[in-house]
Amino acid sequence: MATIKELYDLCKKKLEAGEKLGFLLKAFVEEYENEDKEQTTKEVSVTFMKKKNSIS
């Protein structure tokens, strides 16, 4: 299992190599860089929604 810092480092390496990141990883990198470095914990709320296919 990776730590938050390891995930951030991997994303930054991919960006430097010219690879594109998905919107979720881009948001993660932006939030990590904007995060208050003195803060030790952060609350995150995530909701997954499954799209239902209707058959007519």
PDB file of N, CA and C in Angstrom:
ATOM      1  N   MET A   1       0.845  -1.170   0.000  1.00  0.00           N
ATOM      2  CA  MET A   1       0.000   0.000   0.000  1.00  0.00           C
ATOM      3  C   MET A   1       0.895   1.240   0.000  1.00  0.00           C
ATOM      4  N   ALA A   2       0.554   2.223  -0.800  1.00  0.00           N
ATOM      5  CA  ALA A   2       1.344   3.442  -0.933  1.00  0.00           C
ATOM      6  C   ALA A   2       0.885   4.500   0.065  1.00  0.00           C
ATOM      7  N   THR A   3       1.810   5.362   0.434  1.00  0.00           N
ATOM      8  CA  THR A   3       1.469   6.505   1.281  1.00  0.00           C
ATOM      9  C   THR A   3       1.032   7.658   0.386  1.00  0.00           C
ATOM     10  N   ILE A   4       0.451   8.674   0.976  1.00  0.00           N
ATOM     11  CA  ILE A   4       0.015   9.861   0.236  1.00  0.00           C
ATOM     12  C   ILE A   4       1.215  10.515  -0.448  1.00  0.00           C
ATOM     13  N   LYS A   5       2.325  10.615   0.258  1.00  0.00           N
ATOM     14  CA  LYS A   5       3.539  11.233  -0.298  1.00  0.00           C
ATOM     15  C   LYS A   5       4.052  10.430  -1.490  1.00  0.00           C
ATOM     16  N   GLU A   6       4.040   9.099  -1.406  1.00  0.00           N
ATOM     17  CA  GLU A   6       4.506   8.269  -2.521  1.00  0.00           C
ATOM     18  C   GLU A   6       3.611   8.449  -3.747  1.00  0.00           C
ATOM     19  N   LEU A   7       2.308   8.531  -3.537  1.00  0.00           N
ATOM     20  CA  LEU A   7       1.382   8.758  -4.640  1.00  0.00           C
ATOM     21  C   LEU A   7       1.630  10.121  -5.271  1.00  0.00           C
ATOM     22  N   TYR A   8       1.843  11.134  -4.446  1.00  0.00           N
ATOM     23  CA  TYR A   8       2.134  12.476  -4.949  1.00  0.00           C
ATOM     24  C   TYR A   8       3.414  12.466  -5.780  1.00  0.00           C
ATOM     25  N   ASP A   9       4.464  11.820  -5.273  1.00  0.00           N
ATOM     26  CA  ASP A   9       5.734  11.752  -5.998  1.00  0.00           C
ATOM     27  C   ASP A   9       5.570  11.048  -7.344  1.00  0.00           C
ATOM     28  N   LEU A  10       4.801   9.966  -7.378  1.00  0.00           N
ATOM     29  CA  LEU A  10       4.551   9.242  -8.622  1.00  0.00           C
ATOM     30  C   LEU A  10       3.812  10.128  -9.631  1.00  0.00           C
ATOM     31  N   CYS A  11       2.814  10.853  -9.156  1.00  0.00           N
ATOM     32  CA  CYS A  11       2.058  11.755 -10.037  1.00  0.00           C
ATOM     33  C   CYS A  11       2.956  12.850 -10.595  1.00  0.00           C
ATOM     34  N   LYS A  12       3.806  13.421  -9.763  1.00  0.00           N
ATOM     35  CA  LYS A  12       4.712  14.482 -10.213  1.00  0.00           C
ATOM     36  C   LYS A  12       5.694  13.950 -11.250  1.00  0.00           C
ATOM     37  N   LYS A  13       6.200  12.719 -11.069  1.00  0.00           N
ATOM     38  CA  LYS A  13       7.109  12.115 -12.050  1.00  0.00           C
ATOM     39  C   LYS A  13       6.409  11.922 -13.384  1.00  0.00           C
ATOM     40  N   LYS A  14       5.139  11.489 -13.334  1.00  0.00           N
ATOM     41  CA  LYS A  14       4.378  11.298 -14.566  1.00  0.00           C
ATOM     42  C   LYS A  14       4.163  12.634 -15.278  1.00  0.00           C
ATOM     43  N   LEU A  15       3.861  13.681 -14.522  1.00  0.00           N
ATOM     44  CA  LEU A  15       3.675  15.006 -15.119  1.00  0.00           C
ATOM     45  C   LEU A  15       4.965  15.509 -15.752  1.00  0.00           C
ATOM     46  N   GLU A  16       6.086  15.318 -15.065  1.00  0.00           N
ATOM     47  CA  GLU A  16       7.375  15.755 -15.592  1.00  0.00           C
ATOM     48  C   GLU A  16       7.762  14.983 -16.849  1.00  0.00           C
ATOM     49  N   ALA A  17       7.310  13.732 -16.957  1.00  0.00           N
ATOM     50  CA  ALA A  17       7.597  12.904 -18.129  1.00  0.00           C
ATOM     51  C   ALA A  17       6.659  13.237 -19.288  1.00  0.00           C
ATOM     52  N   GLY A  18       5.709  14.130 -19.058  1.00  0.00           N
ATOM     53  CA  GLY A  18       4.795  14.542 -20.106  1.00  0.00           C
ATOM     54  C   GLY A  18       3.524  13.724 -20.204  1.00  0.00           C
ATOM     55  N   GLU A  19       3.317  12.829 -19.258  1.00  0.00           N
ATOM     56  CA  GLU A  19       2.091  12.028 -19.261  1.00  0.00           C
ATOM     57  C   GLU A  19       0.933  12.857 -18.717  1.00  0.00           C
ATOM     58  N   LYS A  20      -0.259  12.565 -19.206  1.00  0.00           N
ATOM     59  CA  LYS A  20      -1.451  13.257 -18.724  1.00  0.00           C
ATOM     60  C   LYS A  20      -2.041  12.489 -17.557  1.00  0.00           C
ATOM     61  N   LEU A  21      -2.537  13.231 -16.581  1.00  0.00           N
ATOM     62  CA  LEU A  21      -3.201  12.639 -15.427  1.00  0.00           C
ATOM     63  C   LEU A  21      -4.701  12.841 -15.559  1.00  0.00           C
ATOM     64  N   GLY A  22      -5.466  11.924 -15.008  1.00  0.00           N
ATOM     65  CA  GLY A  22      -6.915  12.068 -14.973  1.00  0.00           C
ATOM     66  C   GLY A  22      -7.305  13.186 -14.022  1.00  0.00           C
ATOM     67  N   PHE A  23      -8.577  13.566 -14.086  1.00  0.00           N
ATOM     68  CA  PHE A  23      -9.033  14.692 -13.263  1.00  0.00           C
ATOM     69  C   PHE A  23      -8.885  14.427 -11.771  1.00  0.00           C
ATOM     70  N   LEU A  24      -9.055  13.178 -11.348  1.00  0.00           N
ATOM     71  CA  LEU A  24      -8.948  12.862  -9.930  1.00  0.00           C
ATOM     72  C   LEU A  24      -7.507  13.019  -9.438  1.00  0.00           C
ATOM     73  N   LEU A  25      -6.553  12.530 -10.221  1.00  0.00           N
ATOM     74  CA  LEU A  25      -5.146  12.662  -9.828  1.00  0.00           C
ATOM     75  C   LEU A  25      -4.682  14.106  -9.905  1.00  0.00           C
ATOM     76  N   LYS A  26      -5.182  14.862 -10.889  1.00  0.00           N
ATOM     77  CA  LYS A  26      -4.840  16.286 -10.970  1.00  0.00           C
ATOM     78  C   LYS A  26      -5.333  17.013  -9.719  1.00  0.00           C
ATOM     79  N   ALA A  27      -6.559  16.725  -9.321  1.00  0.00           N
ATOM     80  CA  ALA A  27      -7.127  17.352  -8.127  1.00  0.00           C
ATOM     81  C   ALA A  27      -6.334  16.958  -6.887  1.00  0.00           C
ATOM     82  N   PHE A  28      -5.910  15.699  -6.829  1.00  0.00           N
ATOM     83  CA  PHE A  28      -5.113  15.227  -5.694  1.00  0.00           C
ATOM     84  C   PHE A  28      -3.797  16.005  -5.598  1.00  0.00           C
ATOM     85  N   VAL A  29      -3.107  16.157  -6.727  1.00  0.00           N
ATOM     86  CA  VAL A  29      -1.831  16.880  -6.740  1.00  0.00           C
ATOM     87  C   VAL A  29      -2.032  18.329  -6.311  1.00  0.00           C
ATOM     88  N   GLU A  30      -3.069  18.981  -6.837  1.00  0.00           N
ATOM     89  CA  GLU A  30      -3.337  20.372  -6.485  1.00  0.00           C
ATOM     90  C   GLU A  30      -3.627  20.519  -4.994  1.00  0.00           C
ATOM     91  N   GLU A  31      -4.452  19.636  -4.458  1.00  0.00           N
ATOM     92  CA  GLU A  31      -4.780  19.707  -3.034  1.00  0.00           C
ATOM     93  C   GLU A  31      -3.561  19.422  -2.166  1.00  0.00           C
ATOM     94  N   TYR A  32      -2.742  18.467  -2.581  1.00  0.00           N
ATOM     95  CA  TYR A  32      -1.547  18.139  -1.809  1.00  0.00           C
ATOM     96  C   TYR A  32      -0.609  19.342  -1.752  1.00  0.00           C
ATOM     97  N   GLU A  33      -0.449  20.029  -2.886  1.00  0.00           N
ATOM     98  CA  GLU A  33       0.434  21.191  -2.932  1.00  0.00           C
ATOM     99  C   GLU A  33      -0.140  22.372  -2.161  1.00  0.00           C
ATOM    100  N   ASN A  34      -1.459  22.486  -2.073  1.00  0.00           N
ATOM    101  CA  ASN A  34      -2.098  23.597  -1.364  1.00  0.00           C
ATOM    102  C   ASN A  34      -2.311  23.313   0.115  1.00  0.00           C
ATOM    103  N   GLU A  35      -2.104  22.082   0.513  1.00  0.00           N
ATOM    104  CA  GLU A  35      -2.370  21.668   1.890  1.00  0.00           C
ATOM    105  C   GLU A  35      -1.459  22.404   2.876  1.00  0.00           C
ATOM    106  N   ASP A  36      -2.023  22.743   4.004  1.00  0.00           N
ATOM    107  CA  ASP A  36      -1.263  23.347   5.087  1.00  0.00           C
ATOM    108  C   ASP A  36      -0.300  22.295   5.634  1.00  0.00           C
ATOM    109  N   LYS A  37       0.988  22.551   5.561  1.00  0.00           N
ATOM    110  CA  LYS A  37       1.995  21.560   5.950  1.00  0.00           C
ATOM    111  C   LYS A  37       1.983  21.275   7.458  1.00  0.00           C
ATOM    112  N   GLU A  38       1.427  22.157   8.253  1.00  0.00           N
ATOM    113  CA  GLU A  38       1.368  21.934   9.700  1.00  0.00           C
ATOM    114  C   GLU A  38       0.239  20.994  10.083  1.00  0.00           C
ATOM    115  N   GLN A  39      -0.741  20.848   9.218  1.00  0.00           N
ATOM    116  CA  GLN A  39      -1.884  19.988   9.499  1.00  0.00           C
ATOM    117  C   GLN A  39      -1.462  18.529   9.354  1.00  0.00           C
ATOM    118  N   THR A  40      -1.824  17.692  10.332  1.00  0.00           N
ATOM    119  CA  THR A  40      -1.393  16.297  10.305  1.00  0.00           C
ATOM    120  C   THR A  40      -2.485  15.351   9.837  1.00  0.00           C
ATOM    121  N   THR A  41      -3.747  15.770   9.902  1.00  0.00           N
ATOM    122  CA  THR A  41      -4.844  14.922   9.430  1.00  0.00           C
ATOM    123  C   THR A  41      -5.790  15.755   8.576  1.00  0.00           C
ATOM    124  N   LYS A  42      -6.538  15.060   7.736  1.00  0.00           N
ATOM    125  CA  LYS A  42      -7.497  15.752   6.893  1.00  0.00           C
ATOM    126  C   LYS A  42      -8.692  14.842   6.675  1.00  0.00           C
ATOM    127  N   GLU A  43      -9.890  15.389   6.799  1.00  0.00           N
ATOM    128  CA  GLU A  43     -11.106  14.619   6.587  1.00  0.00           C
ATOM    129  C   GLU A  43     -11.502  14.693   5.121  1.00  0.00           C
ATOM    130  N   VAL A  44     -11.804  13.531   4.538  1.00  0.00           N
ATOM    131  CA  VAL A  44     -12.185  13.454   3.137  1.00  0.00           C
ATOM    132  C   VAL A  44     -13.483  12.671   3.016  1.00  0.00           C
ATOM    133  N   SER A  45     -14.411  13.193   2.222  1.00  0.00           N
ATOM    134  CA  SER A  45     -15.673  12.514   1.988  1.00  0.00           C
ATOM    135  C   SER A  45     -15.770  12.174   0.501  1.00  0.00           C
ATOM    136  N   VAL A  46     -16.018  10.888   0.188  1.00  0.00           N
ATOM    137  CA  VAL A  46     -16.093  10.438  -1.197  1.00  0.00           C
ATOM    138  C   VAL A  46     -17.386   9.661  -1.394  1.00  0.00           C
ATOM    139  N   THR A  47     -18.076   9.923  -2.495  1.00  0.00           N
ATOM    140  CA  THR A  47     -19.297   9.209  -2.825  1.00  0.00           C
ATOM    141  C   THR A  47     -19.161   8.626  -4.224  1.00  0.00           C
ATOM    142  N   PHE A  48     -19.443   7.335  -4.355  1.00  0.00           N
ATOM    143  CA  PHE A  48     -19.427   6.679  -5.649  1.00  0.00           C
ATOM    144  C   PHE A  48     -20.871   6.446  -6.078  1.00  0.00           C
ATOM    145  N   MET A  49     -21.176   6.794  -7.312  1.00  0.00           N
ATOM    146  CA  MET A  49     -22.519   6.617  -7.824  1.00  0.00           C
ATOM    147  C   MET A  49     -22.430   5.732  -9.062  1.00  0.00           C
ATOM    148  N   LYS A  50     -23.239   4.707  -9.095  1.00  0.00           N
ATOM    149  CA  LYS A  50     -23.267   3.791 -10.224  1.00  0.00           C
ATOM    150  C   LYS A  50     -24.405   4.195 -11.155  1.00  0.00           C
ATOM    151  N   LYS A  51     -24.075   4.329 -12.425  1.00  0.00           N
ATOM    152  CA  LYS A  51     -25.077   4.713 -13.406  1.00  0.00           C
ATOM    153  C   LYS A  51     -25.886   3.474 -13.770  1.00  0.00           C
ATOM    154  N   LYS A  52     -27.207   3.600 -13.696  1.00  0.00           N
ATOM    155  CA  LYS A  52     -28.088   2.488 -14.051  1.00  0.00           C
ATOM    156  C   LYS A  52     -28.428   2.565 -15.526  1.00  0.00           C
ATOM    157  N   ASN A  53     -28.302   1.441 -16.209  1.00  0.00           N
ATOM    158  CA  ASN A  53     -28.689   1.373 -17.615  1.00  0.00           C
ATOM    159  C   ASN A  53     -30.134   0.929 -17.703  1.00  0.00           C
ATOM    160  N   SER A  54     -30.961   1.705 -18.374  1.00  0.00           N
ATOM    161  CA  SER A  54     -32.365   1.324 -18.528  1.00  0.00           C
ATOM    162  C   SER A  54     -32.550   0.685 -19.885  1.00  0.00           C
ATOM    163  N   ILE A  55     -33.214  -0.446 -19.876  1.00  0.00           N
ATOM    164  CA  ILE A  55     -33.481  -1.180 -21.113  1.00  0.00           C
ATOM    165  C   ILE A  55     -34.929  -0.914 -21.503  1.00  0.00           C
ATOM    166  N   SER A  56     -35.107  -0.357 -22.685  1.00  0.00           N
ATOM    167  CA  SER A  56     -36.461  -0.013 -23.136  1.00  0.00           C
ATOM    168  C   SER A  56     -37.020  -1.081 -24.033  1.00  0.00           C
TER     169      SER A  56
END
